[in-house]
């Protein structure tokens, strides 16, 4: 490969678009629906998801990353329950 072709390949490569988070099974808790949707990143999976009640939705994302999708979903549910316990309907 020539030097020009190598440089062209470097600059022509596109950044990989981040994948949309995959929603996992929801869990009901005290009238709220918690839906984890871990975001895959280089370091693992970022805690992400939604908490809903009726027509109201709260997007939930944290800086924490975990190595597995399932572990991340479990941690999201744990943290969401904690928020619901502390804030209840004031979450919205």
C-alpha atoms as a PDB file:
ATOM      1  CA  UNK A   1       0.000   0.000   0.000  1.00  0.00           C
ATOM      2  CA  UNK A   2       1.406   3.389  -0.941  1.00  0.00           C
ATOM      3  CA  UNK A   3       1.834   6.238   1.503  1.00  0.00           C
ATOM      4  CA  UNK A   4      -0.991   8.157  -0.185  1.00  0.00           C
ATOM      5  CA  UNK A   5      -3.352   5.170   0.050  1.00  0.00           C
ATOM      6  CA  UNK A   6      -2.508   4.736   3.735  1.00  0.00           C
ATOM      7  CA  UNK A   7      -3.231   8.389   4.511  1.00  0.00           C
ATOM      8  CA  UNK A   8      -6.455   8.247   2.512  1.00  0.00           C
ATOM      9  CA  UNK A   9      -7.590   5.169   4.461  1.00  0.00           C
ATOM     10  CA  UNK A  10      -6.911   6.909   7.771  1.00  0.00           C
ATOM     11  CA  UNK A  11      -8.888  10.034   6.903  1.00  0.00           C
ATOM     12  CA  UNK A  12     -11.658   8.236   5.010  1.00  0.00           C
ATOM     13  CA  UNK A  13     -12.593   5.959   7.898  1.00  0.00           C
ATOM     14  CA  UNK A  14     -15.810   6.952   9.589  1.00  0.00           C
ATOM     15  CA  UNK A  15     -16.406   7.075  13.310  1.00  0.00           C
ATOM     16  CA  UNK A  16     -18.586   4.195  14.423  1.00  0.00           C
ATOM     17  CA  UNK A  17     -22.035   5.488  15.311  1.00  0.00           C
ATOM     18  CA  UNK A  18     -23.114   4.568  18.823  1.00  0.00           C
ATOM     19  CA  UNK A  19     -25.738   1.853  18.929  1.00  0.00           C
ATOM     20  CA  UNK A  20     -29.168   2.669  20.300  1.00  0.00           C
ATOM     21  CA  UNK A  21     -29.634   1.237  23.778  1.00  0.00           C
ATOM     22  CA  UNK A  22     -31.473  -2.079  23.844  1.00  0.00           C
ATOM     23  CA  UNK A  23     -34.443  -2.020  26.213  1.00  0.00           C
ATOM     24  CA  UNK A  24     -34.536  -4.958  28.580  1.00  0.00           C
ATOM     25  CA  UNK A  25     -37.530  -6.423  30.442  1.00  0.00           C
ATOM     26  CA  UNK A  26     -39.361  -3.881  32.619  1.00  0.00           C
ATOM     27  CA  UNK A  27     -40.087  -4.269  36.305  1.00  0.00           C
ATOM     28  CA  UNK A  28     -43.021  -2.844  38.266  1.00  0.00           C
ATOM     29  CA  UNK A  29     -42.295  -1.175  41.616  1.00  0.00           C
ATOM     30  CA  UNK A  30     -44.776   0.784  43.760  1.00  0.00           C
ATOM     31  CA  UNK A  31     -46.859   1.763  40.723  1.00  0.00           C
ATOM     32  CA  UNK A  32     -43.817   2.773  38.625  1.00  0.00           C
ATOM     33  CA  UNK A  33     -42.453   0.916  35.606  1.00  0.00           C
ATOM     34  CA  UNK A  34     -38.658   0.675  35.489  1.00  0.00           C
ATOM     35  CA  UNK A  35     -37.178  -0.155  32.072  1.00  0.00           C
ATOM     36  CA  UNK A  36     -33.399  -0.629  31.883  1.00  0.00           C
ATOM     37  CA  UNK A  37     -31.664   0.117  28.574  1.00  0.00           C
ATOM     38  CA  UNK A  38     -27.885  -0.189  29.114  1.00  0.00           C
ATOM     39  CA  UNK A  39     -25.724   1.779  26.673  1.00  0.00           C
ATOM     40  CA  UNK A  40     -22.761  -0.171  25.290  1.00  0.00           C
ATOM     41  CA  UNK A  41     -19.479   1.742  25.410  1.00  0.00           C
ATOM     42  CA  UNK A  42     -15.812   0.828  25.150  1.00  0.00           C
ATOM     43  CA  UNK A  43     -15.469   0.486  28.931  1.00  0.00           C
ATOM     44  CA  UNK A  44     -18.587  -1.689  29.305  1.00  0.00           C
ATOM     45  CA  UNK A  45     -22.246  -0.756  29.749  1.00  0.00           C
ATOM     46  CA  UNK A  46     -23.480   2.595  31.067  1.00  0.00           C
ATOM     47  CA  UNK A  47     -26.499   2.679  33.387  1.00  0.00           C
ATOM     48  CA  UNK A  48     -29.468   3.999  31.393  1.00  0.00           C
ATOM     49  CA  UNK A  49     -33.228   3.552  31.238  1.00  0.00           C
ATOM     50  CA  UNK A  50     -36.601   5.080  32.049  1.00  0.00           C
ATOM     51  CA  UNK A  51     -38.940   5.304  35.001  1.00  0.00           C
ATOM     52  CA  UNK A  52     -42.587   5.788  34.059  1.00  0.00           C
ATOM     53  CA  UNK A  53     -45.876   6.212  35.850  1.00  0.00           C
ATOM     54  CA  UNK A  54     -48.970   6.794  33.758  1.00  0.00           C
ATOM     55  CA  UNK A  55     -48.118   9.384  31.119  1.00  0.00           C
ATOM     56  CA  UNK A  56     -45.035  10.686  32.946  1.00  0.00           C
ATOM     57  CA  UNK A  57     -41.529   9.509  32.067  1.00  0.00           C
ATOM     58  CA  UNK A  58     -38.187  10.212  33.705  1.00  0.00           C
ATOM     59  CA  UNK A  59     -35.025   9.436  31.696  1.00  0.00           C
ATOM     60  CA  UNK A  60     -32.409   7.842  33.878  1.00  0.00           C
ATOM     61  CA  UNK A  61     -28.692   7.841  32.977  1.00  0.00           C
ATOM     62  CA  UNK A  62     -25.682   7.595  35.251  1.00  0.00           C
ATOM     63  CA  UNK A  63     -21.930   7.805  34.795  1.00  0.00           C
ATOM     64  CA  UNK A  64     -21.436   4.293  36.218  1.00  0.00           C
ATOM     65  CA  UNK A  65     -20.262   1.598  33.816  1.00  0.00           C
ATOM     66  CA  UNK A  66     -20.359  -2.132  34.446  1.00  0.00           C
ATOM     67  CA  UNK A  67     -18.791  -4.996  32.489  1.00  0.00           C
ATOM     68  CA  UNK A  68     -22.005  -6.894  31.638  1.00  0.00           C
ATOM     69  CA  UNK A  69     -25.343  -5.829  30.203  1.00  0.00           C
ATOM     70  CA  UNK A  70     -27.305  -7.907  32.716  1.00  0.00           C
ATOM     71  CA  UNK A  71     -25.343  -6.560  35.685  1.00  0.00           C
ATOM     72  CA  UNK A  72     -25.883  -3.032  34.404  1.00  0.00           C
ATOM     73  CA  UNK A  73     -29.639  -3.603  34.074  1.00  0.00           C
ATOM     74  CA  UNK A  74     -29.815  -4.966  37.627  1.00  0.00           C
ATOM     75  CA  UNK A  75     -27.924  -1.960  38.988  1.00  0.00           C
ATOM     76  CA  UNK A  76     -30.201   0.436  37.071  1.00  0.00           C
ATOM     77  CA  UNK A  77     -33.255  -1.201  38.647  1.00  0.00           C
ATOM     78  CA  UNK A  78     -31.677  -1.011  42.115  1.00  0.00           C
ATOM     79  CA  UNK A  79     -30.858   2.687  41.722  1.00  0.00           C
ATOM     80  CA  UNK A  80     -34.283   3.452  40.231  1.00  0.00           C
ATOM     81  CA  UNK A  81     -36.017   1.815  43.203  1.00  0.00           C
ATOM     82  CA  UNK A  82     -33.872   3.910  45.525  1.00  0.00           C
ATOM     83  CA  UNK A  83     -34.901   7.098  43.680  1.00  0.00           C
ATOM     84  CA  UNK A  84     -38.573   6.085  43.830  1.00  0.00           C
ATOM     85  CA  UNK A  85     -38.285   5.430  47.573  1.00  0.00           C
ATOM     86  CA  UNK A  86     -36.715   8.847  48.179  1.00  0.00           C
ATOM     87  CA  UNK A  87     -38.666  11.005  45.726  1.00  0.00           C
ATOM     88  CA  UNK A  88     -41.877   9.184  44.833  1.00  0.00           C
ATOM     89  CA  UNK A  89     -44.077  11.246  42.488  1.00  0.00           C
ATOM     90  CA  UNK A  90     -41.734  14.247  42.935  1.00  0.00           C
ATOM     91  CA  UNK A  91     -39.422  12.407  40.538  1.00  0.00           C
ATOM     92  CA  UNK A  92     -41.362  13.972  37.663  1.00  0.00           C
END
